[in-house]
Structure formats: C-alpha cells, structure tokens
C-alpha cells in the first residue's frame, strides 16, 4: 500500500490522474482515471482504490490511513461520476472522524465502501 502513495503523488503531480471517458459506464460519462505511461492506457481509479482498501488498509497505522484518505479526497475531488463523488465525500468524513477520534481505523476501513 505504501507504494501506492508514491504512485498517486507522481500521478497527481504529472497530471496522469484526471477525468477521462468512462471505461465501463454509459457513453458521454467520465470517471477518474490513471493514465499509465508504461502501458499507454488508462485505468479506472475507483477500482484501484477499492482494491487497496479492501486488501490492505486494515494493516495501516492511523497516520498512514489518514494520508491515504487524503489522497482519495484529492483524486476524486474533481470528478463528475457519482461513485467518485460519493467516495470523495466518504473519505472526507472519515478523515475528519479519525482526526477527532470519533472512529477507529478499522471501522473507517469497513465503512468506506459500504452503501
């Protein structure tokens, strides 16, 4: 997971994470994507972020989890797709709750992808 932080920082800095045409949704819709220079194609960020949180976020300490949530907020703040907007809002709420000790890191990980 810690490697993802470096990739996200680089992607944001180099404008490689940005809205693009939806890969699976209806035509004329956009979603946040990471454009991979090595492979020359775009990948949906929502699925990547979900996989990261589902597989390894519970292993993170509170400080690192808050950094990850901050990156999720940054990634999805400019998106127009509903899933991305919802994820941005959830990450914002969870970050605030972690800072104020209203939720445990484990509960935050469980909550982020619940509907």
Protein backbone atom coordinates (compact mmCIF):
# COMPACT_ATOMS: atom_id res chain seq x y z
CA UNK A 1 0.00 0.00 0.00
CA UNK A 2 2.79 2.43 0.79
CA UNK A 3 3.94 2.16 -2.82
CA UNK A 4 0.53 3.44 -3.90
CA UNK A 5 1.23 6.74 -2.13
CA UNK A 6 4.26 7.35 -4.32
CA UNK A 7 2.35 6.48 -7.47
CA UNK A 8 -0.55 8.74 -6.53
CA UNK A 9 1.72 11.69 -5.69
CA UNK A 10 3.52 11.24 -9.01
CA UNK A 11 0.26 10.79 -10.92
CA UNK A 12 -1.28 13.93 -9.46
CA UNK A 13 1.87 15.98 -9.97
CA UNK A 14 2.25 14.88 -13.61
CA UNK A 15 -1.48 15.21 -14.37
CA UNK A 16 -1.77 11.48 -15.03
CA UNK A 17 -4.76 11.16 -12.69
CA UNK A 18 -7.66 13.06 -14.21
CA UNK A 19 -11.21 12.64 -15.52
CA UNK A 20 -11.49 10.58 -18.68
CA UNK A 21 -14.23 8.81 -20.63
CA UNK A 22 -15.85 6.07 -18.58
CA UNK A 23 -14.39 2.66 -19.36
CA UNK A 24 -17.48 0.70 -18.25
CA UNK A 25 -20.26 3.23 -17.71
CA UNK A 26 -22.63 4.87 -20.17
CA UNK A 27 -21.10 6.79 -23.05
CA UNK A 28 -20.52 10.50 -22.53
CA UNK A 29 -19.82 9.97 -18.83
CA UNK A 30 -16.46 10.46 -17.17
CA UNK A 31 -14.61 8.85 -14.29
CA UNK A 32 -11.28 9.47 -12.59
CA UNK A 33 -8.53 7.56 -14.35
CA UNK A 34 -4.81 6.96 -14.10
CA UNK A 35 -3.03 7.11 -17.43
CA UNK A 36 -0.11 4.66 -17.35
CA UNK A 37 2.82 5.89 -19.42
CA UNK A 38 4.46 2.45 -19.36
CA UNK A 39 1.47 0.60 -20.77
CA UNK A 40 -0.02 3.52 -22.70
CA UNK A 41 -3.59 3.12 -21.45
CA UNK A 42 -5.96 4.42 -18.79
CA UNK A 43 -7.27 2.52 -15.77
CA UNK A 44 -10.22 3.46 -13.58
CA UNK A 45 -9.07 4.83 -10.22
CA UNK A 46 -12.21 3.76 -8.34
CA UNK A 47 -11.44 0.06 -8.76
CA UNK A 48 -7.80 0.52 -7.82
CA UNK A 49 -8.66 2.47 -4.67
CA UNK A 50 -11.32 -0.08 -3.72
CA UNK A 51 -8.87 -2.97 -4.12
CA UNK A 52 -6.28 -1.19 -1.99
CA UNK A 53 -8.72 -0.50 0.83
CA UNK A 54 -10.28 -3.97 0.71
CA UNK A 55 -6.96 -5.81 0.71
CA UNK A 56 -4.51 -3.89 2.87
CA UNK A 57 -5.86 -0.74 4.51
CA UNK A 58 -6.59 -2.51 7.82
CA UNK A 59 -2.86 -3.14 8.19
CA UNK A 60 -2.06 0.58 8.18
CA UNK A 61 -1.47 2.68 11.24
CA UNK A 62 -3.82 5.60 11.83
CA UNK A 63 -1.46 8.26 10.44
CA UNK A 64 -0.87 6.37 7.19
CA UNK A 65 -4.58 5.65 6.80
CA UNK A 66 -5.33 9.36 7.15
CA UNK A 67 -2.75 10.11 4.44
CA UNK A 68 -4.38 7.52 2.18
CA UNK A 69 -7.82 9.05 2.79
CA UNK A 70 -6.37 12.46 1.98
CA UNK A 71 -5.12 11.12 -1.35
CA UNK A 72 -8.54 9.62 -2.06
CA UNK A 73 -10.07 13.06 -1.44
CA UNK A 74 -7.55 14.66 -3.82
CA UNK A 75 -8.04 12.06 -6.53
CA UNK A 76 -11.82 12.27 -6.64
CA UNK A 77 -12.37 15.96 -5.84
CA UNK A 78 -12.60 16.97 -9.50
CA UNK A 79 -14.57 14.01 -10.81
CA UNK A 80 -18.07 14.11 -12.18
CA UNK A 81 -19.02 10.46 -11.75
CA UNK A 82 -21.39 9.60 -8.90
CA UNK A 83 -19.24 6.80 -7.43
CA UNK A 84 -16.21 9.07 -7.32
CA UNK A 85 -18.14 11.94 -5.74
CA UNK A 86 -19.53 9.61 -3.07
CA UNK A 87 -16.06 8.23 -2.37
CA UNK A 88 -14.64 11.76 -2.09
CA UNK A 89 -17.32 12.69 0.47
CA UNK A 90 -16.85 9.46 2.46
CA UNK A 91 -13.08 9.92 2.56
CA UNK A 92 -13.56 13.50 3.78
CA UNK A 93 -15.96 12.44 6.55
CA UNK A 94 -13.78 9.51 7.62
CA UNK A 95 -10.64 11.65 7.67
CA UNK A 96 -12.38 14.16 9.95
CA UNK A 97 -13.70 11.38 12.21
CA UNK A 98 -10.22 9.85 12.50
CA UNK A 99 -8.67 13.23 13.37
CA UNK A 100 -11.29 13.81 16.07
CA UNK A 101 -11.06 10.17 17.30
CA UNK A 102 -14.75 9.54 16.57
CA UNK A 103 -13.99 6.32 14.67
CA UNK A 104 -11.29 3.65 14.77
CA UNK A 105 -9.07 2.99 11.74
CA UNK A 106 -10.56 -0.50 11.43
CA UNK A 107 -14.12 0.87 11.39
CA UNK A 108 -13.10 3.52 8.85
CA UNK A 109 -11.82 0.79 6.52
CA UNK A 110 -15.05 -1.16 6.91
CA UNK A 111 -17.20 1.90 6.25
CA UNK A 112 -15.53 3.41 3.19
CA UNK A 113 -17.10 1.04 0.65
CA UNK A 114 -20.41 0.37 2.40
CA UNK A 115 -23.53 1.79 0.76
